[in-house]
Amino acid sequence: MANRFRTFGEFWPFYLREHARPATRAIHVAGTWTAALTLLLGVASGAWWLTLLAPLIGYGCAWISHLFVERNRPATFSYPLWSLGGDLRLAWLAATGRLGPELRRHGL
């Protein structure tokens, strides 16, 4: 399958449309932050099993939200690195209060 996006900037509006429902975004953000904290805790404590658990938490939340809320195929399967970047950007924008303006800028 040819990659139809040449840059992350081209991918980002697609990512946002694939996460159009507020519940999908909320589950993604919660999963991303929980995974990040689990990863940091695992590294800081030396409990390496937590570092292995972190991606399961992050992707598990994301995939469940796509299956049951958004009802679409996660972008992870076609664009794994850009999808991860999108998840991280989404979580950061939500945490810094800038997600709303970004969604409006893209017509969502």
PDB file of N, CA and C in Angstrom:
ATOM      1  N   MET A   1       0.847  -1.180   0.000  1.00  0.00           N
ATOM      2  CA  MET A   1       0.000   0.000   0.000  1.00  0.00           C
ATOM      3  C   MET A   1       0.887   1.237   0.000  1.00  0.00           C
ATOM      4  N   ALA A   2       0.675   2.091  -0.944  1.00  0.00           N
ATOM      5  CA  ALA A   2       1.463   3.311  -1.042  1.00  0.00           C
ATOM      6  C   ALA A   2       1.012   4.296   0.028  1.00  0.00           C
ATOM      7  N   ASN A   3       1.969   4.999   0.596  1.00  0.00           N
ATOM      8  CA  ASN A   3       1.669   5.998   1.608  1.00  0.00           C
ATOM      9  C   ASN A   3       1.148   7.243   0.908  1.00  0.00           C
ATOM     10  N   ARG A   4      -0.088   7.628   1.198  1.00  0.00           N
ATOM     11  CA  ARG A   4      -0.664   8.775   0.515  1.00  0.00           C
ATOM     12  C   ARG A   4      -0.303  10.094   1.182  1.00  0.00           C
ATOM     13  N   PHE A   5       0.364  10.052   2.309  1.00  0.00           N
ATOM     14  CA  PHE A   5       0.804  11.250   3.006  1.00  0.00           C
ATOM     15  C   PHE A   5       2.326  11.338   2.927  1.00  0.00           C
ATOM     16  N   ARG A   6       2.810  12.501   2.532  1.00  0.00           N
ATOM     17  CA  ARG A   6       4.257  12.686   2.449  1.00  0.00           C
ATOM     18  C   ARG A   6       4.834  13.267   3.724  1.00  0.00           C
ATOM     19  N   THR A   7       4.001  13.978   4.491  1.00  0.00           N
ATOM     20  CA  THR A   7       4.474  14.627   5.707  1.00  0.00           C
ATOM     21  C   THR A   7       3.470  14.414   6.833  1.00  0.00           C
ATOM     22  N   PHE A   8       3.926  14.630   8.059  1.00  0.00           N
ATOM     23  CA  PHE A   8       3.019  14.544   9.197  1.00  0.00           C
ATOM     24  C   PHE A   8       1.963  15.641   9.104  1.00  0.00           C
ATOM     25  N   GLY A   9       2.347  16.797   8.580  1.00  0.00           N
ATOM     26  CA  GLY A   9       1.390  17.889   8.402  1.00  0.00           C
ATOM     27  C   GLY A   9       0.225  17.511   7.506  1.00  0.00           C
ATOM     28  N   GLU A  10       0.481  16.687   6.499  1.00  0.00           N
ATOM     29  CA  GLU A  10      -0.594  16.192   5.636  1.00  0.00           C
ATOM     30  C   GLU A  10      -1.421  15.128   6.349  1.00  0.00           C
ATOM     31  N   PHE A  11      -0.777  14.345   7.190  1.00  0.00           N
ATOM     32  CA  PHE A  11      -1.433  13.261   7.918  1.00  0.00           C
ATOM     33  C   PHE A  11      -2.342  13.789   9.034  1.00  0.00           C
ATOM     34  N   TRP A  12      -1.936  14.866   9.702  1.00  0.00           N
ATOM     35  CA  TRP A  12      -2.619  15.357  10.899  1.00  0.00           C
ATOM     36  C   TRP A  12      -4.120  15.617  10.697  1.00  0.00           C
ATOM     37  N   PRO A  13      -4.563  16.303   9.636  1.00  0.00           N
ATOM     38  CA  PRO A  13      -6.015  16.483   9.460  1.00  0.00           C
ATOM     39  C   PRO A  13      -6.758  15.149   9.288  1.00  0.00           C
ATOM     40  N   PHE A  14      -6.143  14.197   8.599  1.00  0.00           N
ATOM     41  CA  PHE A  14      -6.719  12.853   8.470  1.00  0.00           C
ATOM     42  C   PHE A  14      -6.853  12.221   9.849  1.00  0.00           C
ATOM     43  N   TYR A  15      -5.803  12.319  10.656  1.00  0.00           N
ATOM     44  CA  TYR A  15      -5.817  11.766  12.012  1.00  0.00           C
ATOM     45  C   TYR A  15      -6.977  12.365  12.809  1.00  0.00           C
ATOM     46  N   LEU A  16      -7.121  13.678  12.754  1.00  0.00           N
ATOM     47  CA  LEU A  16      -8.200  14.319  13.505  1.00  0.00           C
ATOM     48  C   LEU A  16      -9.575  13.857  13.037  1.00  0.00           C
ATOM     49  N   ARG A  17      -9.762  13.708  11.736  1.00  0.00           N
ATOM     50  CA  ARG A  17     -11.061  13.227  11.220  1.00  0.00           C
ATOM     51  C   ARG A  17     -11.335  11.798  11.685  1.00  0.00           C
ATOM     52  N   GLU A  18     -10.299  10.986  11.798  1.00  0.00           N
ATOM     53  CA  GLU A  18     -10.459   9.605  12.267  1.00  0.00           C
ATOM     54  C   GLU A  18     -10.764   9.550  13.762  1.00  0.00           C
ATOM     55  N   HIS A  19     -10.635  10.692  14.443  1.00  0.00           N
ATOM     56  CA  HIS A  19     -10.903  10.806  15.873  1.00  0.00           C
ATOM     57  C   HIS A  19     -11.936  11.910  16.102  1.00  0.00           C
ATOM     58  N   ALA A  20     -12.976  11.916  15.291  1.00  0.00           N
ATOM     59  CA  ALA A  20     -13.952  13.006  15.278  1.00  0.00           C
ATOM     60  C   ALA A  20     -14.841  13.035  16.522  1.00  0.00           C
ATOM     61  N   ARG A  21     -15.121  11.903  17.111  1.00  0.00           N
ATOM     62  CA  ARG A  21     -16.026  11.864  18.264  1.00  0.00           C
ATOM     63  C   ARG A  21     -15.265  12.221  19.549  1.00  0.00           C
ATOM     64  N   PRO A  22     -15.857  13.078  20.372  1.00  0.00           N
ATOM     65  CA  PRO A  22     -15.190  13.466  21.617  1.00  0.00           C
ATOM     66  C   PRO A  22     -14.820  12.279  22.512  1.00  0.00           C
ATOM     67  N   ALA A  23     -15.663  11.268  22.567  1.00  0.00           N
ATOM     68  CA  ALA A  23     -15.352  10.106  23.410  1.00  0.00           C
ATOM     69  C   ALA A  23     -14.116   9.370  22.909  1.00  0.00           C
ATOM     70  N   THR A  24     -13.955   9.286  21.600  1.00  0.00           N
ATOM     71  CA  THR A  24     -12.759   8.650  21.042  1.00  0.00           C
ATOM     72  C   THR A  24     -11.519   9.414  21.474  1.00  0.00           C
ATOM     73  N   ARG A  25     -11.565  10.724  21.347  1.00  0.00           N
ATOM     74  CA  ARG A  25     -10.418  11.543  21.737  1.00  0.00           C
ATOM     75  C   ARG A  25     -10.141  11.418  23.226  1.00  0.00           C
ATOM     76  N   ALA A  26     -11.188  11.419  24.040  1.00  0.00           N
ATOM     77  CA  ALA A  26     -11.011  11.318  25.493  1.00  0.00           C
ATOM     78  C   ALA A  26     -10.357   9.989  25.883  1.00  0.00           C
ATOM     79  N   ILE A  27     -10.799   8.910  25.276  1.00  0.00           N
ATOM     80  CA  ILE A  27     -10.216   7.599  25.581  1.00  0.00           C
ATOM     81  C   ILE A  27      -8.763   7.550  25.112  1.00  0.00           C
ATOM     82  N   HIS A  28      -8.488   8.124  23.938  1.00  0.00           N
ATOM     83  CA  HIS A  28      -7.106   8.175  23.444  1.00  0.00           C
ATOM     84  C   HIS A  28      -6.205   8.962  24.392  1.00  0.00           C
ATOM     85  N   VAL A  29      -6.678  10.130  24.783  1.00  0.00           N
ATOM     86  CA  VAL A  29      -5.871  10.977  25.664  1.00  0.00           C
ATOM     87  C   VAL A  29      -5.614  10.273  27.000  1.00  0.00           C
ATOM     88  N   ALA A  30      -6.655   9.690  27.576  1.00  0.00           N
ATOM     89  CA  ALA A  30      -6.486   8.966  28.844  1.00  0.00           C
ATOM     90  C   ALA A  30      -5.518   7.795  28.679  1.00  0.00           C
ATOM     91  N   GLY A  31      -5.654   7.060  27.597  1.00  0.00           N
ATOM     92  CA  GLY A  31      -4.762   5.928  27.356  1.00  0.00           C
ATOM     93  C   GLY A  31      -3.324   6.360  27.126  1.00  0.00           C
ATOM     94  N   THR A  32      -3.138   7.448  26.393  1.00  0.00           N
ATOM     95  CA  THR A  32      -1.786   7.932  26.112  1.00  0.00           C
ATOM     96  C   THR A  32      -1.096   8.398  27.385  1.00  0.00           C
ATOM     97  N   TRP A  33      -1.791   9.197  28.194  1.00  0.00           N
ATOM     98  CA  TRP A  33      -1.175   9.676  29.434  1.00  0.00           C
ATOM     99  C   TRP A  33      -0.949   8.534  30.437  1.00  0.00           C
ATOM    100  N   THR A  34      -1.889   7.599  30.503  1.00  0.00           N
ATOM    101  CA  THR A  34      -1.705   6.456  31.402  1.00  0.00           C
ATOM    102  C   THR A  34      -0.519   5.610  30.953  1.00  0.00           C
ATOM    103  N   ALA A  35      -0.397   5.396  29.657  1.00  0.00           N
ATOM    104  CA  ALA A  35       0.737   4.633  29.126  1.00  0.00           C
ATOM    105  C   ALA A  35       2.053   5.347  29.396  1.00  0.00           C
ATOM    106  N   ALA A  36       2.072   6.671  29.203  1.00  0.00           N
ATOM    107  CA  ALA A  36       3.303   7.442  29.443  1.00  0.00           C
ATOM    108  C   ALA A  36       3.710   7.368  30.910  1.00  0.00           C
ATOM    109  N   LEU A  37       2.751   7.520  31.809  1.00  0.00           N
ATOM    110  CA  LEU A  37       3.062   7.439  33.236  1.00  0.00           C
ATOM    111  C   LEU A  37       3.503   6.033  33.638  1.00  0.00           C
ATOM    112  N   THR A  38       2.870   5.034  33.063  1.00  0.00           N
ATOM    113  CA  THR A  38       3.259   3.648  33.341  1.00  0.00           C
ATOM    114  C   THR A  38       4.687   3.388  32.863  1.00  0.00           C
ATOM    115  N   LEU A  39       5.013   3.887  31.686  1.00  0.00           N
ATOM    116  CA  LEU A  39       6.370   3.744  31.157  1.00  0.00           C
ATOM    117  C   LEU A  39       7.390   4.433  32.058  1.00  0.00           C
ATOM    118  N   LEU A  40       7.105   5.672  32.450  1.00  0.00           N
ATOM    119  CA  LEU A  40       8.026   6.396  33.333  1.00  0.00           C
ATOM    120  C   LEU A  40       8.181   5.703  34.678  1.00  0.00           C
ATOM    121  N   LEU A  41       7.088   5.224  35.228  1.00  0.00           N
ATOM    122  CA  LEU A  41       7.143   4.505  36.497  1.00  0.00           C
ATOM    123  C   LEU A  41       7.966   3.233  36.364  1.00  0.00           C
ATOM    124  N   GLY A  42       7.786   2.524  35.270  1.00  0.00           N
ATOM    125  CA  GLY A  42       8.558   1.312  35.041  1.00  0.00           C
ATOM    126  C   GLY A  42      10.049   1.576  34.931  1.00  0.00           C
ATOM    127  N   VAL A  43      10.412   2.617  34.200  1.00  0.00           N
ATOM    128  CA  VAL A  43      11.828   2.963  34.050  1.00  0.00           C
ATOM    129  C   VAL A  43      12.400   3.440  35.379  1.00  0.00           C
ATOM    130  N   ALA A  44      11.664   4.308  36.074  1.00  0.00           N
ATOM    131  CA  ALA A  44      12.162   4.867  37.338  1.00  0.00           C
ATOM    132  C   ALA A  44      12.300   3.823  38.434  1.00  0.00           C
ATOM    133  N   SER A  45      11.399   2.863  38.452  1.00  0.00           N
ATOM    134  CA  SER A  45      11.404   1.870  39.532  1.00  0.00           C
ATOM    135  C   SER A  45      12.196   0.609  39.178  1.00  0.00           C
ATOM    136  N   GLY A  46      12.504   0.469  37.903  1.00  0.00           N
ATOM    137  CA  GLY A  46      13.187  -0.749  37.467  1.00  0.00           C
ATOM    138  C   GLY A  46      12.229  -1.919  37.259  1.00  0.00           C
ATOM    139  N   ALA A  47      10.941  -1.659  37.373  1.00  0.00           N
ATOM    140  CA  ALA A  47       9.943  -2.709  37.138  1.00  0.00           C
ATOM    141  C   ALA A  47       9.703  -2.780  35.626  1.00  0.00           C
ATOM    142  N   TRP A  48      10.523  -3.560  34.958  1.00  0.00           N
ATOM    143  CA  TRP A  48      10.511  -3.588  33.499  1.00  0.00           C
ATOM    144  C   TRP A  48       9.213  -4.128  32.930  1.00  0.00           C
ATOM    145  N   TRP A  49       8.480  -4.890  33.718  1.00  0.00           N
ATOM    146  CA  TRP A  49       7.193  -5.375  33.233  1.00  0.00           C
ATOM    147  C   TRP A  49       6.229  -4.218  32.993  1.00  0.00           C
ATOM    148  N   LEU A  50       6.408  -3.110  33.737  1.00  0.00           N
ATOM    149  CA  LEU A  50       5.563  -1.934  33.505  1.00  0.00           C
ATOM    150  C   LEU A  50       5.880  -1.293  32.154  1.00  0.00           C
ATOM    151  N   THR A  51       7.149  -1.316  31.769  1.00  0.00           N
ATOM    152  CA  THR A  51       7.507  -0.748  30.465  1.00  0.00           C
ATOM    153  C   THR A  51       6.872  -1.558  29.337  1.00  0.00           C
ATOM    154  N   LEU A  52       6.713  -2.845  29.555  1.00  0.00           N
ATOM    155  CA  LEU A  52       6.054  -3.687  28.555  1.00  0.00           C
ATOM    156  C   LEU A  52       4.535  -3.503  28.574  1.00  0.00           C
ATOM    157  N   LEU A  53       4.017  -3.156  29.731  1.00  0.00           N
ATOM    158  CA  LEU A  53       2.576  -2.943  29.875  1.00  0.00           C
ATOM    159  C   LEU A  53       2.135  -1.621  29.239  1.00  0.00           C
ATOM    160  N   ALA A  54       3.011  -0.638  29.232  1.00  0.00           N
ATOM    161  CA  ALA A  54       2.653   0.703  28.748  1.00  0.00           C
ATOM    162  C   ALA A  54       2.059   0.707  27.338  1.00  0.00           C
ATOM    163  N   PRO A  55       2.711   0.093  26.331  1.00  0.00           N
ATOM    164  CA  PRO A  55       2.099   0.129  25.003  1.00  0.00           C
ATOM    165  C   PRO A  55       0.766  -0.622  24.941  1.00  0.00           C
ATOM    166  N   LEU A  56       0.622  -1.660  25.738  1.00  0.00           N
ATOM    167  CA  LEU A  56      -0.653  -2.378  25.760  1.00  0.00           C
ATOM    168  C   LEU A  56      -1.774  -1.475  26.262  1.00  0.00           C
ATOM    169  N   ILE A  57      -1.475  -0.647  27.249  1.00  0.00           N
ATOM    170  CA  ILE A  57      -2.472   0.289  27.771  1.00  0.00           C
ATOM    171  C   ILE A  57      -2.817   1.319  26.702  1.00  0.00           C
ATOM    172  N   GLY A  58      -1.791   1.948  26.140  1.00  0.00           N
ATOM    173  CA  GLY A  58      -2.022   2.999  25.153  1.00  0.00           C
ATOM    174  C   GLY A  58      -2.770   2.506  23.929  1.00  0.00           C
ATOM    175  N   TYR A  59      -2.250   1.455  23.320  1.00  0.00           N
ATOM    176  CA  TYR A  59      -2.899   0.939  22.115  1.00  0.00           C
ATOM    177  C   TYR A  59      -4.218   0.256  22.425  1.00  0.00           C
ATOM    178  N   GLY A  60      -4.313  -0.385  23.570  1.00  0.00           N
ATOM    179  CA  GLY A  60      -5.568  -1.031  23.954  1.00  0.00           C
ATOM    180  C   GLY A  60      -6.697  -0.023  24.051  1.00  0.00           C
ATOM    181  N   CYS A  61      -6.443   1.086  24.733  1.00  0.00           N
ATOM    182  CA  CYS A  61      -7.470   2.132  24.837  1.00  0.00           C
ATOM    183  C   CYS A  61      -7.827   2.679  23.457  1.00  0.00           C
ATOM    184  N   ALA A  62      -6.809   2.934  22.648  1.00  0.00           N
ATOM    185  CA  ALA A  62      -7.051   3.501  21.317  1.00  0.00           C
ATOM    186  C   ALA A  62      -7.881   2.549  20.462  1.00  0.00           C
ATOM    187  N   TRP A  63      -7.486   1.309  20.414  1.00  0.00           N
ATOM    188  CA  TRP A  63      -8.175   0.354  19.550  1.00  0.00           C
ATOM    189  C   TRP A  63      -9.605   0.107  20.016  1.00  0.00           C
ATOM    190  N   ILE A  64      -9.801   0.057  21.323  1.00  0.00           N
ATOM    191  CA  ILE A  64     -11.151  -0.128  21.851  1.00  0.00           C
ATOM    192  C   ILE A  64     -12.035   1.054  21.465  1.00  0.00           C
ATOM    193  N   SER A  65     -11.476   2.262  21.541  1.00  0.00           N
ATOM    194  CA  SER A  65     -12.285   3.439  21.182  1.00  0.00           C
ATOM    195  C   SER A  65     -12.630   3.442  19.696  1.00  0.00           C
ATOM    196  N   HIS A  66     -11.718   2.975  18.855  1.00  0.00           N
ATOM    197  CA  HIS A  66     -12.037   2.908  17.428  1.00  0.00           C
ATOM    198  C   HIS A  66     -13.102   1.843  17.153  1.00  0.00           C
ATOM    199  N   LEU A  67     -13.014   0.738  17.848  1.00  0.00           N
ATOM    200  CA  LEU A  67     -13.956  -0.356  17.630  1.00  0.00           C
ATOM    201  C   LEU A  67     -15.363  -0.005  18.113  1.00  0.00           C
ATOM    202  N   PHE A  68     -15.453   0.536  19.319  1.00  0.00           N
ATOM    203  CA  PHE A  68     -16.774   0.716  19.934  1.00  0.00           C
ATOM    204  C   PHE A  68     -17.331   2.131  19.850  1.00  0.00           C
ATOM    205  N   VAL A  69     -16.492   3.134  19.679  1.00  0.00           N
ATOM    206  CA  VAL A  69     -16.981   4.513  19.651  1.00  0.00           C
ATOM    207  C   VAL A  69     -16.949   5.069  18.231  1.00  0.00           C
ATOM    208  N   GLU A  70     -15.783   5.137  17.667  1.00  0.00           N
ATOM    209  CA  GLU A  70     -15.619   5.752  16.346  1.00  0.00           C
ATOM    210  C   GLU A  70     -16.079   4.821  15.228  1.00  0.00           C
ATOM    211  N   ARG A  71     -15.961   3.522  15.469  1.00  0.00           N
ATOM    212  CA  ARG A  71     -16.344   2.487  14.496  1.00  0.00           C
ATOM    213  C   ARG A  71     -15.596   2.624  13.171  1.00  0.00           C
ATOM    214  N   ASN A  72     -14.275   2.777  13.317  1.00  0.00           N
ATOM    215  CA  ASN A  72     -13.412   2.800  12.135  1.00  0.00           C
ATOM    216  C   ASN A  72     -12.126   2.041  12.432  1.00  0.00           C
ATOM    217  N   ARG A  73     -11.297   1.926  11.446  1.00  0.00           N
ATOM    218  CA  ARG A  73     -10.040   1.175  11.567  1.00  0.00           C
ATOM    219  C   ARG A  73      -8.958   2.101  12.102  1.00  0.00           C
ATOM    220  N   PRO A  74      -8.250   1.709  13.174  1.00  0.00           N
ATOM    221  CA  PRO A  74      -7.198   2.574  13.704  1.00  0.00           C
ATOM    222  C   PRO A  74      -6.135   2.885  12.646  1.00  0.00           C
ATOM    223  N   ALA A  75      -5.688   4.128  12.628  1.00  0.00           N
ATOM    224  CA  ALA A  75      -4.641   4.552  11.690  1.00  0.00           C
ATOM    225  C   ALA A  75      -3.320   3.846  11.977  1.00  0.00           C
ATOM    226  N   THR A  76      -3.184   3.282  13.161  1.00  0.00           N
ATOM    227  CA  THR A  76      -1.962   2.570  13.546  1.00  0.00           C
ATOM    228  C   THR A  76      -1.602   1.482  12.544  1.00  0.00           C
ATOM    229  N   PHE A  77      -2.605   0.839  11.978  1.00  0.00           N
ATOM    230  CA  PHE A  77      -2.343  -0.276  11.084  1.00  0.00           C
ATOM    231  C   PHE A  77      -1.756   0.161   9.748  1.00  0.00           C
ATOM    232  N   SER A  78      -2.079   1.367   9.308  1.00  0.00           N
ATOM    233  CA  SER A  78      -1.559   1.867   8.037  1.00  0.00           C
ATOM    234  C   SER A  78      -0.408   2.847   8.209  1.00  0.00           C
ATOM    235  N   TYR A  79      -0.424   3.589   9.301  1.00  0.00           N
ATOM    236  CA  TYR A  79       0.572   4.643   9.540  1.00  0.00           C
ATOM    237  C   TYR A  79       1.059   4.558  10.988  1.00  0.00           C
ATOM    238  N   PRO A  80       1.820   3.534  11.354  1.00  0.00           N
ATOM    239  CA  PRO A  80       2.142   3.314  12.765  1.00  0.00           C
ATOM    240  C   PRO A  80       2.912   4.459  13.434  1.00  0.00           C
ATOM    241  N   LEU A  81       3.925   4.988  12.790  1.00  0.00           N
ATOM    242  CA  LEU A  81       4.712   6.043  13.438  1.00  0.00           C
ATOM    243  C   LEU A  81       3.961   7.370  13.470  1.00  0.00           C
ATOM    244  N   TRP A  82       3.320   7.713  12.364  1.00  0.00           N
ATOM    245  CA  TRP A  82       2.557   8.960  12.355  1.00  0.00           C
ATOM    246  C   TRP A  82       1.363   8.875  13.286  1.00  0.00           C
ATOM    247  N   SER A  83       0.781   7.711  13.426  1.00  0.00           N
ATOM    248  CA  SER A  83      -0.330   7.531  14.347  1.00  0.00           C
ATOM    249  C   SER A  83       0.128   7.740  15.793  1.00  0.00           C
ATOM    250  N   LEU A  84       1.287   7.192  16.136  1.00  0.00           N
ATOM    251  CA  LEU A  84       1.842   7.411  17.473  1.00  0.00           C
ATOM    252  C   LEU A  84       2.102   8.893  17.688  1.00  0.00           C
ATOM    253  N   GLY A  85       2.680   9.544  16.686  1.00  0.00           N
ATOM    254  CA  GLY A  85       2.893  10.989  16.785  1.00  0.00           C
ATOM    255  C   GLY A  85       1.590  11.749  16.952  1.00  0.00           C
ATOM    256  N   GLY A  86       0.555  11.295  16.250  1.00  0.00           N
ATOM    257  CA  GLY A  86      -0.758  11.916  16.388  1.00  0.00           C
ATOM    258  C   GLY A  86      -1.326  11.738  17.787  1.00  0.00           C
ATOM    259  N   ASP A  87      -1.166  10.540  18.340  1.00  0.00           N
ATOM    260  CA  ASP A  87      -1.647  10.285  19.701  1.00  0.00           C
ATOM    261  C   ASP A  87      -0.945  11.203  20.703  1.00  0.00           C
ATOM    262  N   LEU A  88       0.372  11.330  20.550  1.00  0.00           N
ATOM    263  CA  LEU A  88       1.134  12.176  21.465  1.00  0.00           C
ATOM    264  C   LEU A  88       0.752  13.648  21.304  1.00  0.00           C
ATOM    265  N   ARG A  89       0.584  14.098  20.073  1.00  0.00           N
ATOM    266  CA  ARG A  89       0.188  15.488  19.827  1.00  0.00           C
ATOM    267  C   ARG A  89      -1.208  15.751  20.369  1.00  0.00           C
ATOM    268  N   LEU A  90      -2.130  14.818  20.139  1.00  0.00           N
ATOM    269  CA  LEU A  90      -3.490  14.950  20.650  1.00  0.00           C
ATOM    270  C   LEU A  90      -3.482  15.086  22.174  1.00  0.00           C
ATOM    271  N   ALA A  91      -2.724  14.226  22.845  1.00  0.00           N
ATOM    272  CA  ALA A  91      -2.661  14.252  24.305  1.00  0.00           C
ATOM    273  C   ALA A  91      -2.055  15.573  24.793  1.00  0.00           C
ATOM    274  N   TRP A  92      -1.015  16.055  24.119  1.00  0.00           N
ATOM    275  CA  TRP A  92      -0.373  17.301  24.524  1.00  0.00           C
ATOM    276  C   TRP A  92      -1.315  18.496  24.312  1.00  0.00           C
ATOM    277  N   LEU A  93      -1.980  18.541  23.159  1.00  0.00           N
ATOM    278  CA  LEU A  93      -2.902  19.635  22.902  1.00  0.00           C
ATOM    279  C   LEU A  93      -4.044  19.635  23.918  1.00  0.00           C
ATOM    280  N   ALA A  94      -4.533  18.448  24.279  1.00  0.00           N
ATOM    281  CA  ALA A  94      -5.598  18.354  25.277  1.00  0.00           C
ATOM    282  C   ALA A  94      -5.105  18.843  26.635  1.00  0.00           C
ATOM    283  N   ALA A  95      -3.891  18.455  27.014  1.00  0.00           N
ATOM    284  CA  ALA A  95      -3.344  18.829  28.317  1.00  0.00           C
ATOM    285  C   ALA A  95      -3.052  20.323  28.417  1.00  0.00           C
ATOM    286  N   THR A  96      -2.739  20.942  27.289  1.00  0.00           N
ATOM    287  CA  THR A  96      -2.383  22.366  27.302  1.00  0.00           C
ATOM    288  C   THR A  96      -3.557  23.266  26.930  1.00  0.00           C
ATOM    289  N   GLY A  97      -4.752  22.691  26.763  1.00  0.00           N
ATOM    290  CA  GLY A  97      -5.939  23.471  26.469  1.00  0.00           C
ATOM    291  C   GLY A  97      -6.015  24.007  25.049  1.00  0.00           C
ATOM    292  N   ARG A  98      -5.228  23.432  24.149  1.00  0.00           N
ATOM    293  CA  ARG A  98      -5.202  23.929  22.770  1.00  0.00           C
ATOM    294  C   ARG A  98      -5.893  23.005  21.777  1.00  0.00           C
ATOM    295  N   LEU A  99      -6.521  21.938  22.276  1.00  0.00           N
ATOM    296  CA  LEU A  99      -7.160  20.990  21.365  1.00  0.00           C
ATOM    297  C   LEU A  99      -8.395  21.593  20.694  1.00  0.00           C
ATOM    298  N   GLY A 100      -9.214  22.292  21.442  1.00  0.00           N
ATOM    299  CA  GLY A 100     -10.423  22.888  20.878  1.00  0.00           C
ATOM    300  C   GLY A 100     -10.136  23.783  19.675  1.00  0.00           C
ATOM    301  N   PRO A 101      -9.224  24.749  19.821  1.00  0.00           N
ATOM    302  CA  PRO A 101      -8.894  25.591  18.664  1.00  0.00           C
ATOM    303  C   PRO A 101      -8.334  24.794  17.487  1.00  0.00           C
ATOM    304  N   GLU A 102      -7.559  23.767  17.763  1.00  0.00           N
ATOM    305  CA  GLU A 102      -6.994  22.938  16.683  1.00  0.00           C
ATOM    306  C   GLU A 102      -8.098  22.189  15.947  1.00  0.00           C
ATOM    307  N   LEU A 103      -9.069  21.674  16.680  1.00  0.00           N
ATOM    308  CA  LEU A 103     -10.199  20.984  16.056  1.00  0.00           C
ATOM    309  C   LEU A 103     -11.015  21.953  15.200  1.00  0.00           C
ATOM    310  N   ARG A 104     -11.273  23.130  15.737  1.00  0.00           N
ATOM    311  CA  ARG A 104     -12.027  24.127  14.966  1.00  0.00           C
ATOM    312  C   ARG A 104     -11.273  24.547  13.706  1.00  0.00           C
ATOM    313  N   ARG A 105      -9.989  24.666  13.821  1.00  0.00           N
ATOM    314  CA  ARG A 105      -9.158  25.042  12.664  1.00  0.00           C
ATOM    315  C   ARG A 105      -9.292  24.031  11.532  1.00  0.00           C
ATOM    316  N   HIS A 106      -9.546  22.777  11.897  1.00  0.00           N
ATOM    317  CA  HIS A 106      -9.696  21.710  10.908  1.00  0.00           C
ATOM    318  C   HIS A 106     -11.154  21.344  10.649  1.00  0.00           C
ATOM    319  N   GLY A 107     -12.057  22.192  11.110  1.00  0.00           N
ATOM    320  CA  GLY A 107     -13.477  22.001  10.802  1.00  0.00           C
ATOM    321  C   GLY A 107     -14.170  20.915  11.600  1.00  0.00           C
ATOM    322  N   LEU A 108     -13.663  20.601  12.775  1.00  0.00           N
ATOM    323  CA  LEU A 108     -14.287  19.567  13.612  1.00  0.00           C
ATOM    324  C   LEU A 108     -14.896  20.179  14.867  1.00  0.00           C
TER     325      LEU A 108
END
